[in-house]
Protein backbone atom coordinates (compact mmCIF):
# COMPACT_ATOMS: atom_id res chain seq x y z
CA UNK A 1 0.01 -0.02 0.00
CA UNK A 2 1.09 3.58 -0.65
CA UNK A 3 -0.45 7.01 -0.07
CA UNK A 4 -0.73 10.50 -1.52
CA UNK A 5 -2.18 13.72 -0.08
CA UNK A 6 -4.36 16.46 -1.57
CA UNK A 7 -4.85 20.07 -0.50
CA UNK A 8 -6.48 23.09 -2.14
CA UNK A 9 -7.17 26.82 -1.96
CA UNK A 10 -4.54 27.71 0.65
CA UNK A 11 -4.84 31.33 -0.50
CA UNK A 12 -2.32 32.79 1.92
CA UNK A 13 -2.19 36.55 2.32
CA UNK A 14 -0.90 38.85 5.04
CA UNK A 15 -4.41 40.16 5.59
CA UNK A 16 -6.99 40.36 8.36
CA UNK A 17 -9.76 37.74 8.51
CA UNK A 18 -12.73 38.81 6.37
CA UNK A 19 -15.80 37.62 4.52
CA UNK A 20 -15.86 37.09 0.70
CA UNK A 21 -17.68 39.40 -1.71
CA UNK A 22 -20.06 36.67 -2.94
CA UNK A 23 -21.97 33.87 -1.13
CA UNK A 24 -21.40 31.57 0.59
CA UNK A 25 -20.23 33.97 3.24
CA UNK A 26 -17.71 32.11 5.42
CA UNK A 27 -14.82 33.70 7.28
CA UNK A 28 -11.52 33.65 5.45
CA UNK A 29 -8.51 33.05 7.74
CA UNK A 30 -5.73 34.48 5.56
CA UNK A 31 -2.90 34.59 8.09
CA UNK A 32 -3.73 31.17 9.56
CA UNK A 33 -3.30 29.28 6.29
CA UNK A 34 0.47 28.67 6.77
CA UNK A 35 -0.32 27.01 10.12
CA UNK A 36 -2.97 24.85 8.46
CA UNK A 37 -0.45 23.88 5.77
CA UNK A 38 2.10 22.82 8.36
CA UNK A 39 -0.53 20.74 10.14
CA UNK A 40 -1.58 19.11 6.85
CA UNK A 41 2.02 18.27 5.99
CA UNK A 42 2.57 16.79 9.44
CA UNK A 43 -0.49 14.62 8.87
CA UNK A 44 0.80 13.67 5.41
CA UNK A 45 4.20 12.69 6.80
CA UNK A 46 2.51 10.57 9.48
CA UNK A 47 0.62 8.81 6.69
CA UNK A 48 3.87 8.48 4.76
CA UNK A 49 2.47 10.03 1.60
CA UNK A 50 4.74 9.88 -1.44
CA UNK A 51 3.61 13.22 -2.85
CA UNK A 52 0.96 15.93 -2.52
CA UNK A 53 -1.44 17.28 -5.16
CA UNK A 54 -1.92 21.04 -4.67
CA UNK A 55 -5.13 22.03 -6.50
CA UNK A 56 -4.55 25.74 -7.07
CA UNK A 57 -4.92 29.17 -5.44
CA UNK A 58 -1.75 28.70 -3.44
CA UNK A 59 -1.79 32.46 -2.57
CA UNK A 60 -4.65 34.99 -2.62
CA UNK A 61 -5.28 37.86 -4.96
CA UNK A 62 -4.72 40.21 -2.05
CA UNK A 63 -0.98 39.49 -2.38
CA UNK A 64 -0.55 41.47 -5.62
CA UNK A 65 1.94 43.95 -4.14
CA UNK A 66 4.16 41.18 -2.78
CA UNK A 67 3.25 38.10 -4.80
CA UNK A 68 6.67 36.48 -4.92
CA UNK A 69 7.31 37.02 -1.20
CA UNK A 70 3.96 35.41 -0.33
CA UNK A 71 4.49 32.53 -2.72
CA UNK A 72 8.00 31.90 -1.36
CA UNK A 73 6.60 31.74 2.18
CA UNK A 74 4.23 28.91 1.21
CA UNK A 75 6.68 27.08 -1.04
CA UNK A 76 9.27 27.17 1.74
CA UNK A 77 6.81 25.39 4.03
CA UNK A 78 6.33 22.70 1.41
CA UNK A 79 10.12 22.46 0.98
CA UNK A 80 10.71 22.07 4.72
CA UNK A 81 8.44 19.01 4.72
CA UNK A 82 10.51 17.38 1.99
CA UNK A 83 7.46 15.91 0.23
CA UNK A 84 7.26 16.25 -3.58
CA UNK A 85 4.37 18.48 -4.67
CA UNK A 86 2.46 18.49 -7.96
CA UNK A 87 0.79 21.87 -8.49
CA UNK A 88 -2.08 23.10 -10.65
CA UNK A 89 -3.04 26.70 -11.37
CA UNK A 90 -6.02 28.55 -9.91
CA UNK A 91 -7.64 31.90 -10.58
CA UNK A 92 -5.91 33.59 -7.64
CA UNK A 93 -2.58 32.50 -9.07
CA UNK A 94 -3.59 34.37 -12.22
CA UNK A 95 -4.38 37.48 -10.16
CA UNK A 96 -0.76 37.49 -8.99
CA UNK A 97 1.10 36.35 -12.11
CA UNK A 98 0.67 36.03 -15.84
CA UNK A 99 -0.01 32.48 -17.02
CA UNK A 100 3.57 32.22 -18.27
CA UNK A 101 4.94 33.49 -14.95
CA UNK A 102 2.71 31.14 -12.95
CA UNK A 103 3.97 28.17 -14.97
CA UNK A 104 7.52 29.12 -14.04
CA UNK A 105 6.92 30.25 -10.43
CA UNK A 106 4.38 27.57 -9.35
CA UNK A 107 4.22 24.56 -11.67
CA UNK A 108 7.97 24.40 -12.22
CA UNK A 109 9.16 25.59 -8.83
CA UNK A 110 11.97 23.84 -6.96
CA UNK A 111 9.57 21.68 -4.88
CA UNK A 112 8.02 20.07 -7.93
CA UNK A 113 9.51 16.78 -9.06
CA UNK A 114 9.23 17.53 -12.81
CA UNK A 115 9.21 20.60 -15.08
CA UNK A 116 6.55 20.25 -17.76
CA UNK A 117 6.67 22.71 -20.68
CA UNK A 118 3.02 23.67 -20.14
CA UNK A 119 0.66 23.93 -17.17
CA UNK A 120 -1.03 20.63 -17.93
CA UNK A 121 0.89 17.38 -17.50
CA UNK A 122 0.61 13.72 -16.48
CA UNK A 123 2.70 11.26 -14.54
CA UNK A 124 2.44 7.63 -13.41
CA UNK A 125 3.01 6.36 -9.90
CA UNK A 126 2.71 2.68 -8.95
CA UNK A 127 0.76 2.04 -12.15
CA UNK A 128 -1.78 4.80 -11.37
CA UNK A 129 -1.91 7.59 -13.95
CA UNK A 130 -2.38 11.18 -12.71
CA UNK A 131 -3.62 13.81 -15.20
CA UNK A 132 -3.44 17.49 -14.30
CA UNK A 133 -5.72 19.83 -16.27
CA UNK A 134 -4.89 23.51 -16.80
CA UNK A 135 -8.24 25.23 -16.07
CA UNK A 136 -6.84 28.55 -17.37
CA UNK A 137 -5.52 27.33 -20.69
CA UNK A 138 -8.16 29.59 -22.31
CA UNK A 139 -8.90 32.47 -19.99
CA UNK A 140 -8.99 36.22 -19.68
CA UNK A 141 -7.05 35.91 -16.41
CA UNK A 142 -3.29 35.80 -16.78
CA UNK A 143 -3.40 36.48 -20.52
CA UNK A 144 -2.68 39.71 -22.39
CA UNK A 145 -5.40 40.86 -24.80
CA UNK A 146 -2.95 40.18 -27.64
CA UNK A 147 -2.67 36.49 -26.69
CA UNK A 148 -4.01 34.16 -29.44
CA UNK A 149 -6.68 32.66 -27.12
CA UNK A 150 -7.88 35.89 -25.48
CA UNK A 151 -10.64 36.57 -28.01
CA UNK A 152 -11.97 33.02 -27.62
CA UNK A 153 -11.91 33.42 -23.84
CA UNK A 154 -13.82 36.68 -24.03
CA UNK A 155 -16.42 35.09 -26.28
CA UNK A 156 -17.42 32.69 -23.48
CA UNK A 157 -18.37 35.71 -21.35
CA UNK A 158 -20.73 37.50 -23.76
CA UNK A 159 -23.80 36.41 -21.77
CA UNK A 160 -22.44 37.99 -18.58
CA UNK A 161 -23.50 41.64 -18.62
CA UNK A 162 -22.52 42.41 -15.00
CA UNK A 163 -20.18 45.28 -14.35
CA UNK A 164 -18.21 42.87 -12.18
CA UNK A 165 -17.78 39.85 -14.46
CA UNK A 166 -16.86 37.69 -11.47
CA UNK A 167 -20.53 37.91 -10.52
CA UNK A 168 -22.99 35.27 -11.80
CA UNK A 169 -25.99 37.51 -11.07
CA UNK A 170 -28.64 37.20 -13.75
CA UNK A 171 -27.22 33.95 -15.09
CA UNK A 172 -29.32 30.82 -14.61
CA UNK A 173 -28.43 27.17 -14.10
CA UNK A 174 -25.30 25.99 -15.84
CA UNK A 175 -24.86 29.41 -17.45
CA UNK A 176 -23.63 30.63 -14.09
CA UNK A 177 -20.22 29.20 -15.03
CA UNK A 178 -19.67 32.09 -17.48
CA UNK A 179 -17.77 34.28 -15.04
CA UNK A 180 -14.31 35.73 -15.33
CA UNK A 181 -12.76 33.61 -12.59
CA UNK A 182 -13.27 30.42 -14.62
CA UNK A 183 -11.58 29.26 -17.82
CA UNK A 184 -11.63 26.57 -20.50
CA UNK A 185 -9.51 23.70 -21.79
CA UNK A 186 -8.06 24.53 -25.20
CA UNK A 187 -8.19 22.27 -28.30
CA UNK A 188 -4.55 21.13 -27.92
CA UNK A 189 -5.12 20.20 -24.30
CA UNK A 190 -8.33 18.35 -25.22
CA UNK A 191 -6.39 16.31 -27.79
CA UNK A 192 -3.66 15.66 -25.24
CA UNK A 193 -6.21 14.57 -22.60
CA UNK A 194 -7.78 12.17 -25.11
CA UNK A 195 -4.37 10.66 -25.89
CA UNK A 196 -3.55 10.30 -22.16
CA UNK A 197 -6.81 8.45 -21.55
CA UNK A 198 -6.15 6.15 -24.51
CA UNK A 199 -2.63 5.44 -23.21
CA UNK A 200 -4.10 4.60 -19.78
CA UNK A 201 -6.59 2.21 -21.35
CA UNK A 202 -3.87 0.49 -23.38
CA UNK A 203 -1.68 0.13 -20.27
CA UNK A 204 -4.68 -0.97 -18.14
CA UNK A 205 -4.06 1.88 -15.71
CA UNK A 206 -6.63 3.55 -13.45
CA UNK A 207 -6.69 7.36 -13.68
CA UNK A 208 -6.92 10.24 -11.18
CA UNK A 209 -7.68 13.62 -12.79
CA UNK A 210 -7.01 16.83 -10.90
CA UNK A 211 -7.32 20.57 -11.60
CA UNK A 212 -8.77 23.78 -10.20
CA UNK A 213 -12.18 24.27 -11.86
CA UNK A 214 -14.87 21.62 -11.63
CA UNK A 215 -15.68 19.41 -14.63
CA UNK A 216 -18.99 17.92 -13.46
CA UNK A 217 -22.14 19.40 -11.91
CA UNK A 218 -22.15 16.23 -9.81
CA UNK A 219 -19.22 17.50 -7.80
CA UNK A 220 -19.16 21.29 -7.81
CA UNK A 221 -21.32 24.39 -8.05
CA UNK A 222 -22.41 25.67 -11.45
CA UNK A 223 -20.46 28.92 -10.97
CA UNK A 224 -17.24 26.94 -10.49
CA UNK A 225 -17.38 24.78 -13.63
CA UNK A 226 -15.04 25.04 -16.61
CA UNK A 227 -16.61 27.01 -19.44
CA UNK A 228 -16.37 23.92 -21.66
CA UNK A 229 -16.82 21.42 -18.87
CA UNK A 230 -19.25 19.39 -21.03
CA UNK A 231 -16.52 18.67 -23.58
CA UNK A 232 -14.10 17.51 -20.88
CA UNK A 233 -16.76 15.56 -19.00
CA UNK A 234 -17.70 13.60 -22.11
CA UNK A 235 -14.11 12.40 -22.44
CA UNK A 236 -13.84 11.44 -18.78
CA UNK A 237 -17.19 9.68 -18.65
CA UNK A 238 -16.39 7.66 -21.78
CA UNK A 239 -13.15 6.31 -20.29
CA UNK A 240 -13.42 3.22 -18.06
CA UNK A 241 -10.02 4.06 -16.57
CA UNK A 242 -11.09 7.29 -14.83
CA UNK A 243 -11.87 6.61 -11.18
CA UNK A 244 -11.44 9.88 -9.28
CA UNK A 245 -11.64 13.54 -10.35
CA UNK A 246 -10.43 16.20 -7.89
CA UNK A 247 -10.78 19.99 -7.94
CA UNK A 248 -10.68 23.02 -5.71
CA UNK A 249 -12.18 26.43 -6.50
CA UNK A 250 -15.63 25.87 -4.93
CA UNK A 251 -14.33 26.20 -1.34
CA UNK A 252 -17.13 23.95 0.03
CA UNK A 253 -16.63 20.21 0.16
CA UNK A 254 -18.77 18.28 -2.34
CA UNK A 255 -18.64 14.63 -3.36
CA UNK A 256 -20.75 13.30 -6.24
CA UNK A 257 -20.81 9.99 -8.07
CA UNK A 258 -21.82 9.77 -11.72
CA UNK A 259 -23.98 7.08 -13.34
CA UNK A 260 -20.77 5.38 -14.52
CA UNK A 261 -19.38 5.25 -10.98
CA UNK A 262 -16.78 8.01 -11.27
CA UNK A 263 -16.22 10.11 -8.14
CA UNK A 264 -16.11 13.90 -8.51
CA UNK A 265 -14.83 15.78 -5.44
CA UNK A 266 -14.38 19.45 -4.58
CA UNK A 267 -12.04 19.92 -1.61
CA UNK A 268 -12.88 22.39 1.09
CA UNK A 269 -10.70 25.51 0.98
CA UNK A 270 -7.94 25.73 3.54
CA UNK A 271 -8.62 29.49 3.55
CA UNK A 272 -12.15 29.00 4.94
CA UNK A 273 -11.32 26.37 7.55
CA UNK A 274 -11.38 27.49 11.22
CA UNK A 275 -8.08 27.17 13.09
CA UNK A 276 -8.96 23.94 14.91
CA UNK A 277 -10.41 22.09 11.93
CA UNK A 278 -9.02 20.35 8.82
CA UNK A 279 -9.71 20.46 5.08
CA UNK A 280 -7.33 18.10 3.29
CA UNK A 281 -7.45 14.58 1.90
CA UNK A 282 -5.35 11.45 2.20
CA UNK A 283 -5.65 8.61 -0.33
CA UNK A 284 -4.41 5.11 0.46
CA UNK A 285 -3.84 2.95 -2.62
CA UNK A 286 -3.33 -0.76 -3.07
CA UNK A 287 -3.68 -3.05 -6.08
CA UNK A 288 -7.48 -3.27 -5.86
CA UNK A 289 -8.80 -0.07 -4.31
CA UNK A 290 -8.30 3.51 -3.15
CA UNK A 291 -9.42 4.45 0.34
CA UNK A 292 -10.13 8.17 0.64
CA UNK A 293 -10.26 10.15 3.86
CA UNK A 294 -11.42 13.70 3.20
CA UNK A 295 -11.61 16.27 5.99
CA UNK A 296 -14.42 18.82 5.79
CA UNK A 297 -13.88 21.00 8.80
CA UNK A 298 -15.08 18.96 11.80
CA UNK A 299 -16.57 16.28 9.50
CA UNK A 300 -14.82 13.43 7.72
CA UNK A 301 -15.92 11.74 4.48
CA UNK A 302 -14.50 8.27 4.00
CA UNK A 303 -15.13 6.19 0.89
CA UNK A 304 -13.55 3.43 -1.16
CA UNK A 305 -13.09 3.27 -4.96
CA UNK A 306 -12.48 -0.09 -6.59
CA UNK A 307 -9.67 -0.06 -9.15
């Protein structure tokens, strides 16, 4: 048996506790997040995890004036623990850096085991394939207006007429995903994802997918879905290898299971977890199953996935 850990939405900032601008209104403990991270890493070391998946928003948008200093503070905590970390990019990362800078500063930082040439990548551990999706491949965040994909990104937002395009007000149902803090998976990444899933099927490998934005209404809120979630979801649902799909972004813990038996999970945000509670996940893996222990504040969700 072996283990890995998962954590999301640390969103550190040297800022007083406060409430968010949009519901759900839960206190954000900005300065406490480094302490939570240290506690999580202690738990992970006790469980002897081999690596950690960090699901995005490693620092908060409030860090703009000292982004690198804030990022270094969190990366140093990861480094002290000595556990390899595989990062993905979140919207708050794009508030602090351009997409190109975030790839260099976060994805390819010194704590990460590998240095992929783009913000989406895959790796295999113990015969289990992990696929990281770049939720901001096509986005208005982190991209200059001159970028080749900016016009496409802006076209997704034409139905949002709010002055603050981070607001889903006036949008109904699944259309609530068309807000500025989300993004889409580009054509090249879609083709790459399809090839990764085929490779997993040929190798008879089970697959864990992770990223920042949600890909299924089963496991996240409509306003936290990828703009083209339906395109991604169709690929995942058609692959018998996909077992577990993890994302952050929604801040509230959600766990849904599709008709094909795939588990879609949104982790609770570290940022919105009170000081004496927990919000991370440990996954124990053997040849036949994964046993998941997910902390949701004072609650714990435990479930098993057959491989």
